[in-house]
Amino acid sequence: MEKQERTAIEKRLFRTLKNYMHGYHSNATEKEKEAYDAKVEQLKARILDDVEHAPEIIAEEFAAHQAKMYRAQMSGEYATLKCNAEWKAIDNVYMALIDSKPFKE
């Protein structure tokens, strides 16, 4: 895929992501913002490389995050659901994809 085509797809798929990002950034610490931004960029790159499998990519990311949470709980940490930077990045990319309706065209 050439760069211009990739940029057009990125703009279409992630056009509302900046709104979600603003909401997260307004309440996050600098460290959380860095972690969030890194995860968002990683997800965007992965999805742009294989747009057809975006649902599976998002499902894998949520599953991997849940596995980390369960591992921590089984290692003696309290059973708490955390909305951390990584989870919020996955959720916001997911919501931006829903907004763009990539599979309804």
N, C-alpha and C. Protein backbone atom coordinates (compact mmCIF):
# COMPACT_ATOMS: atom_id res chain seq x y z
N MET A 1 0.86 -1.17 0.00
CA MET A 1 0.00 0.00 0.00
C MET A 1 0.92 1.24 0.00
N GLU A 2 0.62 2.16 -0.89
CA GLU A 2 1.45 3.36 -0.93
C GLU A 2 1.09 4.33 0.19
N LYS A 3 1.99 5.24 0.48
CA LYS A 3 1.85 6.13 1.64
C LYS A 3 0.58 6.98 1.57
N GLN A 4 0.26 7.52 0.41
CA GLN A 4 -0.93 8.37 0.27
C GLN A 4 -2.21 7.59 0.55
N GLU A 5 -2.28 6.37 0.03
CA GLU A 5 -3.45 5.52 0.27
C GLU A 5 -3.56 5.15 1.75
N ARG A 6 -2.42 4.85 2.36
CA ARG A 6 -2.41 4.49 3.79
C ARG A 6 -2.88 5.67 4.64
N THR A 7 -2.45 6.88 4.29
CA THR A 7 -2.86 8.08 5.02
C THR A 7 -4.36 8.31 4.90
N ALA A 8 -4.91 8.10 3.71
CA ALA A 8 -6.35 8.27 3.50
C ALA A 8 -7.15 7.27 4.33
N ILE A 9 -6.70 6.03 4.35
CA ILE A 9 -7.38 5.00 5.15
C ILE A 9 -7.30 5.34 6.63
N GLU A 10 -6.11 5.79 7.06
CA GLU A 10 -5.93 6.15 8.48
C GLU A 10 -6.87 7.28 8.88
N LYS A 11 -6.98 8.29 8.04
CA LYS A 11 -7.88 9.41 8.35
C LYS A 11 -9.33 8.95 8.43
N ARG A 12 -9.72 8.06 7.53
CA ARG A 12 -11.09 7.57 7.52
C ARG A 12 -11.39 6.69 8.74
N LEU A 13 -10.48 5.79 9.06
CA LEU A 13 -10.71 4.86 10.16
C LEU A 13 -10.62 5.51 11.53
N PHE A 14 -9.73 6.46 11.67
CA PHE A 14 -9.44 7.00 12.99
C PHE A 14 -9.82 8.47 13.14
N ARG A 15 -10.81 8.91 12.38
CA ARG A 15 -11.16 10.33 12.40
C ARG A 15 -11.70 10.82 13.74
N THR A 16 -12.34 9.97 14.52
CA THR A 16 -12.86 10.40 15.82
C THR A 16 -11.92 10.04 16.97
N LEU A 17 -10.80 9.41 16.67
CA LEU A 17 -9.87 9.00 17.72
C LEU A 17 -9.34 10.19 18.50
N LYS A 18 -9.10 11.31 17.82
CA LYS A 18 -8.57 12.48 18.52
C LYS A 18 -9.53 12.98 19.59
N ASN A 19 -10.83 12.83 19.38
CA ASN A 19 -11.81 13.23 20.40
C ASN A 19 -11.69 12.34 21.64
N TYR A 20 -11.54 11.04 21.41
CA TYR A 20 -11.37 10.11 22.53
C TYR A 20 -10.03 10.37 23.23
N MET A 21 -9.00 10.64 22.44
CA MET A 21 -7.68 10.91 23.01
C MET A 21 -7.70 12.15 23.90
N HIS A 22 -8.39 13.17 23.45
CA HIS A 22 -8.48 14.41 24.23
C HIS A 22 -9.11 14.14 25.59
N GLY A 23 -10.15 13.34 25.60
CA GLY A 23 -10.81 13.00 26.86
C GLY A 23 -9.87 12.28 27.81
N TYR A 24 -9.08 11.36 27.29
CA TYR A 24 -8.14 10.63 28.15
C TYR A 24 -7.02 11.55 28.60
N HIS A 25 -6.46 12.29 27.67
CA HIS A 25 -5.33 13.17 27.99
C HIS A 25 -5.68 14.24 29.01
N SER A 26 -6.92 14.67 29.04
CA SER A 26 -7.29 15.75 29.97
C SER A 26 -7.22 15.33 31.44
N ASN A 27 -7.23 14.02 31.70
CA ASN A 27 -7.21 13.54 33.09
C ASN A 27 -6.02 12.65 33.42
N ALA A 28 -5.11 12.46 32.49
CA ALA A 28 -4.00 11.52 32.69
C ALA A 28 -2.71 12.23 33.10
N THR A 29 -1.85 11.48 33.75
CA THR A 29 -0.52 12.00 34.09
C THR A 29 0.36 11.92 32.84
N GLU A 30 1.52 12.54 32.88
CA GLU A 30 2.44 12.49 31.74
C GLU A 30 2.85 11.05 31.42
N LYS A 31 3.12 10.27 32.44
CA LYS A 31 3.51 8.87 32.23
C LYS A 31 2.37 8.08 31.58
N GLU A 32 1.16 8.31 32.04
CA GLU A 32 -0.01 7.64 31.46
C GLU A 32 -0.23 8.07 30.01
N LYS A 33 -0.04 9.34 29.74
CA LYS A 33 -0.19 9.84 28.36
C LYS A 33 0.81 9.17 27.42
N GLU A 34 2.04 9.04 27.88
CA GLU A 34 3.07 8.39 27.06
C GLU A 34 2.72 6.94 26.77
N ALA A 35 2.28 6.22 27.80
CA ALA A 35 1.90 4.82 27.63
C ALA A 35 0.69 4.70 26.70
N TYR A 36 -0.28 5.57 26.88
CA TYR A 36 -1.49 5.59 26.04
C TYR A 36 -1.12 5.85 24.58
N ASP A 37 -0.34 6.91 24.35
CA ASP A 37 0.03 7.28 22.98
C ASP A 37 0.81 6.17 22.28
N ALA A 38 1.71 5.53 23.01
CA ALA A 38 2.50 4.44 22.43
C ALA A 38 1.60 3.28 22.03
N LYS A 39 0.65 2.93 22.89
CA LYS A 39 -0.26 1.82 22.59
C LYS A 39 -1.17 2.17 21.41
N VAL A 40 -1.66 3.41 21.35
CA VAL A 40 -2.51 3.84 20.24
C VAL A 40 -1.74 3.73 18.92
N GLU A 41 -0.51 4.21 18.90
CA GLU A 41 0.28 4.15 17.66
C GLU A 41 0.55 2.72 17.25
N GLN A 42 0.84 1.86 18.22
CA GLN A 42 1.09 0.45 17.93
C GLN A 42 -0.16 -0.20 17.33
N LEU A 43 -1.32 0.09 17.92
CA LEU A 43 -2.58 -0.47 17.42
C LEU A 43 -2.93 0.05 16.03
N LYS A 44 -2.77 1.36 15.84
CA LYS A 44 -3.07 1.94 14.53
C LYS A 44 -2.21 1.29 13.45
N ALA A 45 -0.93 1.13 13.71
CA ALA A 45 -0.03 0.52 12.73
C ALA A 45 -0.44 -0.91 12.43
N ARG A 46 -0.76 -1.65 13.47
CA ARG A 46 -1.16 -3.05 13.29
C ARG A 46 -2.46 -3.15 12.49
N ILE A 47 -3.41 -2.29 12.78
CA ILE A 47 -4.69 -2.33 12.07
C ILE A 47 -4.52 -1.87 10.62
N LEU A 48 -3.73 -0.83 10.39
CA LEU A 48 -3.53 -0.36 9.02
C LEU A 48 -2.83 -1.40 8.16
N ASP A 49 -2.03 -2.25 8.78
CA ASP A 49 -1.37 -3.33 8.03
C ASP A 49 -2.34 -4.43 7.63
N ASP A 50 -3.48 -4.51 8.31
CA ASP A 50 -4.43 -5.59 8.05
C ASP A 50 -5.85 -5.16 8.45
N VAL A 51 -6.39 -4.19 7.72
CA VAL A 51 -7.68 -3.59 8.06
C VAL A 51 -8.80 -4.64 8.12
N GLU A 52 -8.77 -5.60 7.23
CA GLU A 52 -9.82 -6.62 7.19
C GLU A 52 -9.93 -7.41 8.51
N HIS A 53 -8.84 -7.48 9.23
CA HIS A 53 -8.84 -8.25 10.48
C HIS A 53 -8.84 -7.36 11.72
N ALA A 54 -9.30 -6.13 11.56
CA ALA A 54 -9.36 -5.20 12.70
C ALA A 54 -10.17 -5.76 13.88
N PRO A 55 -11.31 -6.41 13.65
CA PRO A 55 -12.06 -6.96 14.80
C PRO A 55 -11.25 -8.00 15.57
N GLU A 56 -10.55 -8.84 14.84
CA GLU A 56 -9.74 -9.87 15.49
C GLU A 56 -8.56 -9.24 16.25
N ILE A 57 -7.98 -8.20 15.67
CA ILE A 57 -6.86 -7.51 16.33
C ILE A 57 -7.33 -6.89 17.64
N ILE A 58 -8.47 -6.22 17.62
CA ILE A 58 -9.01 -5.61 18.83
C ILE A 58 -9.32 -6.70 19.87
N ALA A 59 -9.93 -7.79 19.43
CA ALA A 59 -10.25 -8.89 20.35
C ALA A 59 -8.98 -9.46 20.98
N GLU A 60 -7.93 -9.64 20.19
CA GLU A 60 -6.66 -10.15 20.71
C GLU A 60 -6.07 -9.20 21.75
N GLU A 61 -6.16 -7.90 21.47
CA GLU A 61 -5.60 -6.91 22.39
C GLU A 61 -6.36 -6.89 23.71
N PHE A 62 -7.69 -6.93 23.64
CA PHE A 62 -8.48 -6.98 24.87
C PHE A 62 -8.18 -8.27 25.65
N ALA A 63 -8.07 -9.39 24.94
CA ALA A 63 -7.80 -10.67 25.60
C ALA A 63 -6.42 -10.65 26.28
N ALA A 64 -5.43 -10.11 25.60
CA ALA A 64 -4.09 -10.04 26.19
C ALA A 64 -4.09 -9.17 27.45
N HIS A 65 -4.84 -8.08 27.40
CA HIS A 65 -4.92 -7.21 28.58
C HIS A 65 -5.62 -7.93 29.73
N GLN A 66 -6.69 -8.63 29.43
CA GLN A 66 -7.41 -9.38 30.47
C GLN A 66 -6.50 -10.46 31.07
N ALA A 67 -5.72 -11.12 30.23
CA ALA A 67 -4.82 -12.17 30.72
C ALA A 67 -3.81 -11.58 31.71
N LYS A 68 -3.29 -10.39 31.42
CA LYS A 68 -2.37 -9.73 32.35
C LYS A 68 -3.06 -9.46 33.69
N MET A 69 -4.30 -9.00 33.61
CA MET A 69 -5.06 -8.70 34.83
C MET A 69 -5.28 -9.97 35.66
N TYR A 70 -5.69 -11.06 34.99
CA TYR A 70 -5.94 -12.31 35.71
C TYR A 70 -4.65 -12.87 36.30
N ARG A 71 -3.55 -12.75 35.57
CA ARG A 71 -2.26 -13.22 36.07
C ARG A 71 -1.89 -12.46 37.36
N ALA A 72 -2.09 -11.16 37.33
CA ALA A 72 -1.80 -10.35 38.52
C ALA A 72 -2.68 -10.78 39.70
N GLN A 73 -3.96 -11.02 39.42
CA GLN A 73 -4.87 -11.44 40.49
C GLN A 73 -4.46 -12.79 41.06
N MET A 74 -4.03 -13.70 40.21
CA MET A 74 -3.63 -15.03 40.66
C MET A 74 -2.26 -15.02 41.34
N SER A 75 -1.58 -13.89 41.23
CA SER A 75 -0.29 -13.73 41.89
C SER A 75 -0.43 -13.00 43.23
N GLY A 76 -1.67 -12.77 43.65
CA GLY A 76 -1.91 -12.20 44.95
C GLY A 76 -2.35 -10.75 44.98
N GLU A 77 -2.46 -10.11 43.82
CA GLU A 77 -2.95 -8.74 43.82
C GLU A 77 -4.46 -8.74 44.00
N TYR A 78 -4.97 -7.66 44.53
CA TYR A 78 -6.41 -7.56 44.72
C TYR A 78 -7.12 -7.61 43.37
N ALA A 79 -8.29 -8.16 43.38
CA ALA A 79 -9.09 -8.27 42.16
C ALA A 79 -9.75 -6.93 41.85
N THR A 80 -9.03 -6.10 41.15
CA THR A 80 -9.57 -4.80 40.77
C THR A 80 -9.53 -4.66 39.27
N LEU A 81 -10.54 -4.08 38.73
CA LEU A 81 -10.54 -3.77 37.30
C LEU A 81 -10.00 -2.36 37.14
N LYS A 82 -8.93 -2.25 36.44
CA LYS A 82 -8.30 -0.95 36.27
C LYS A 82 -8.52 -0.45 34.85
N CYS A 83 -8.85 0.79 34.76
CA CYS A 83 -8.92 1.44 33.45
C CYS A 83 -7.57 2.15 33.28
N ASN A 84 -6.55 1.37 32.94
CA ASN A 84 -5.23 1.95 32.79
C ASN A 84 -5.02 2.45 31.36
N ALA A 85 -3.86 3.01 31.10
CA ALA A 85 -3.57 3.62 29.80
C ALA A 85 -3.68 2.61 28.66
N GLU A 86 -3.18 1.42 28.89
CA GLU A 86 -3.21 0.39 27.84
C GLU A 86 -4.65 0.01 27.50
N TRP A 87 -5.44 -0.26 28.53
CA TRP A 87 -6.83 -0.64 28.28
C TRP A 87 -7.59 0.48 27.58
N LYS A 88 -7.39 1.72 28.05
CA LYS A 88 -8.11 2.85 27.47
C LYS A 88 -7.71 3.08 26.03
N ALA A 89 -6.45 2.86 25.69
CA ALA A 89 -6.00 3.00 24.30
C ALA A 89 -6.72 1.98 23.41
N ILE A 90 -6.78 0.74 23.87
CA ILE A 90 -7.48 -0.30 23.10
C ILE A 90 -8.94 0.08 22.94
N ASP A 91 -9.58 0.49 24.01
CA ASP A 91 -10.99 0.86 23.99
C ASP A 91 -11.24 2.05 23.06
N ASN A 92 -10.40 3.05 23.10
CA ASN A 92 -10.62 4.23 22.26
C ASN A 92 -10.40 3.94 20.78
N VAL A 93 -9.41 3.11 20.46
CA VAL A 93 -9.22 2.71 19.06
C VAL A 93 -10.43 1.91 18.60
N TYR A 94 -10.91 1.03 19.44
CA TYR A 94 -12.11 0.23 19.14
C TYR A 94 -13.31 1.14 18.87
N MET A 95 -13.52 2.14 19.73
CA MET A 95 -14.64 3.06 19.54
C MET A 95 -14.50 3.88 18.26
N ALA A 96 -13.29 4.30 17.94
CA ALA A 96 -13.07 5.05 16.70
C ALA A 96 -13.39 4.18 15.48
N LEU A 97 -13.05 2.91 15.55
CA LEU A 97 -13.38 2.00 14.45
C LEU A 97 -14.89 1.82 14.31
N ILE A 98 -15.58 1.72 15.43
CA ILE A 98 -17.03 1.61 15.39
C ILE A 98 -17.62 2.87 14.75
N ASP A 99 -17.09 4.03 15.14
CA ASP A 99 -17.58 5.30 14.57
C ASP A 99 -17.39 5.36 13.06
N SER A 100 -16.30 4.79 12.56
CA SER A 100 -16.00 4.88 11.13
C SER A 100 -16.75 3.84 10.31
N LYS A 101 -17.31 2.84 10.98
CA LYS A 101 -18.08 1.77 10.31
C LYS A 101 -17.30 1.17 9.12
N PRO A 102 -16.09 0.69 9.35
CA PRO A 102 -15.27 0.24 8.22
C PRO A 102 -15.81 -0.96 7.45
N PHE A 103 -16.70 -1.71 8.05
CA PHE A 103 -17.18 -2.92 7.37
C PHE A 103 -18.60 -2.77 6.82
N LYS A 104 -19.12 -1.54 6.81
CA LYS A 104 -20.46 -1.29 6.28
C LYS A 104 -20.41 -0.72 4.87
N GLU A 105 -19.22 -0.55 4.34
CA GLU A 105 -19.09 0.06 3.01
C GLU A 105 -19.08 -0.97 1.92
